[in-house]
Amino acid sequence: MMIVSLGYSHYVMPTKDAVQILEILEKAERYVCKYRANEESTHHVWPSDTVFEARMIGNDLYNMAKLAGKPEEK
């Protein structure tokens, strides 16, 4: 299993799937639409400089985390 980090969110998935996602994201470009209330909005595309992080997670840690489930918010 691997943990893939995209911004401040982290996703766990089989290694094969994580590699596919990272390969696809490596080709992606950034996009933003700048909204302007009294003017025309502008659209922008540029090469991505985003760093995507991936790390391995052992089966024992994965199973323990899966058992714990979603943390309670207080």
Protein backbone atom coordinates (compact mmCIF):
# COMPACT_ATOMS: atom_id res chain seq x y z
CA MET A 1 0.00 0.00 0.00
CA MET A 2 1.07 3.58 -0.62
CA ILE A 3 0.01 6.96 0.73
CA VAL A 4 -0.26 9.64 -1.95
CA SER A 5 -0.31 13.25 -0.72
CA LEU A 6 -2.02 15.91 -2.81
CA GLY A 7 -1.76 19.23 -1.05
CA TYR A 8 -2.93 18.71 2.53
CA SER A 9 -4.96 15.58 1.74
CA HIS A 10 -3.58 12.05 1.92
CA TYR A 11 -4.96 8.97 0.19
CA VAL A 12 -4.02 5.33 0.73
CA MET A 13 -4.26 2.83 -2.11
CA PRO A 14 -2.55 -0.19 -3.62
CA THR A 15 0.95 0.57 -4.91
CA LYS A 16 0.00 -0.19 -8.54
CA ASP A 17 -2.82 2.40 -8.42
CA ALA A 18 -0.62 5.00 -6.72
CA VAL A 19 2.02 4.66 -9.44
CA GLN A 20 -0.63 5.13 -12.15
CA ILE A 21 -2.01 8.26 -10.46
CA LEU A 22 1.45 9.77 -10.02
CA GLU A 23 2.33 9.06 -13.65
CA ILE A 24 -0.86 10.80 -14.80
CA LEU A 25 -0.40 13.78 -12.48
CA GLU A 26 3.18 14.17 -13.72
CA LYS A 27 1.73 15.09 -17.14
CA ALA A 28 -0.93 17.46 -15.79
CA GLU A 29 -0.81 21.23 -16.18
CA ARG A 30 -2.16 23.77 -13.71
CA TYR A 31 -5.33 25.73 -14.52
CA VAL A 32 -7.00 28.70 -12.88
CA CYS A 33 -9.84 31.01 -13.83
CA LYS A 34 -9.43 34.52 -12.40
CA TYR A 35 -12.93 35.88 -11.83
CA ARG A 36 -13.34 39.62 -12.14
CA ALA A 37 -16.71 41.08 -11.17
CA ASN A 38 -16.81 44.02 -13.59
CA GLU A 39 -14.51 42.66 -16.29
CA GLU A 40 -14.02 39.53 -18.33
CA SER A 41 -12.62 36.60 -16.40
CA THR A 42 -9.22 35.33 -17.55
CA HIS A 43 -8.16 31.71 -17.90
CA HIS A 44 -4.59 30.53 -17.35
CA VAL A 45 -2.73 27.25 -17.97
CA TRP A 46 0.94 26.66 -17.12
CA PRO A 47 3.33 23.79 -16.39
CA SER A 48 2.77 22.32 -12.95
CA ASP A 49 5.45 22.83 -10.33
CA THR A 50 3.45 20.95 -7.72
CA VAL A 51 5.32 18.28 -5.81
CA PHE A 52 3.34 15.10 -5.22
CA GLU A 53 4.48 12.90 -2.38
CA ALA A 54 4.09 9.15 -2.09
CA ARG A 55 5.33 6.80 0.59
CA MET A 56 4.93 3.15 1.41
CA ILE A 57 2.79 2.03 4.34
CA GLY A 58 3.16 -1.42 5.87
CA ASN A 59 0.22 -3.81 6.07
CA ASP A 60 0.24 -3.79 9.88
CA LEU A 61 -0.01 0.01 10.04
CA TYR A 62 -2.63 0.08 7.28
CA ASN A 63 -4.78 -2.54 9.04
CA MET A 64 -4.48 -0.75 12.39
CA ALA A 65 -5.44 2.60 10.80
CA LYS A 66 -8.32 0.98 8.91
CA LEU A 67 -9.61 -0.51 12.15
CA ALA A 68 -9.42 2.90 13.88
CA GLY A 69 -11.53 4.46 11.09
CA LYS A 70 -12.27 8.15 10.72
CA PRO A 71 -11.12 10.22 13.72
CA GLU A 72 -13.74 11.94 15.83
CA GLU A 73 -13.83 15.73 15.63
CA LYS A 74 -14.09 17.59 18.91
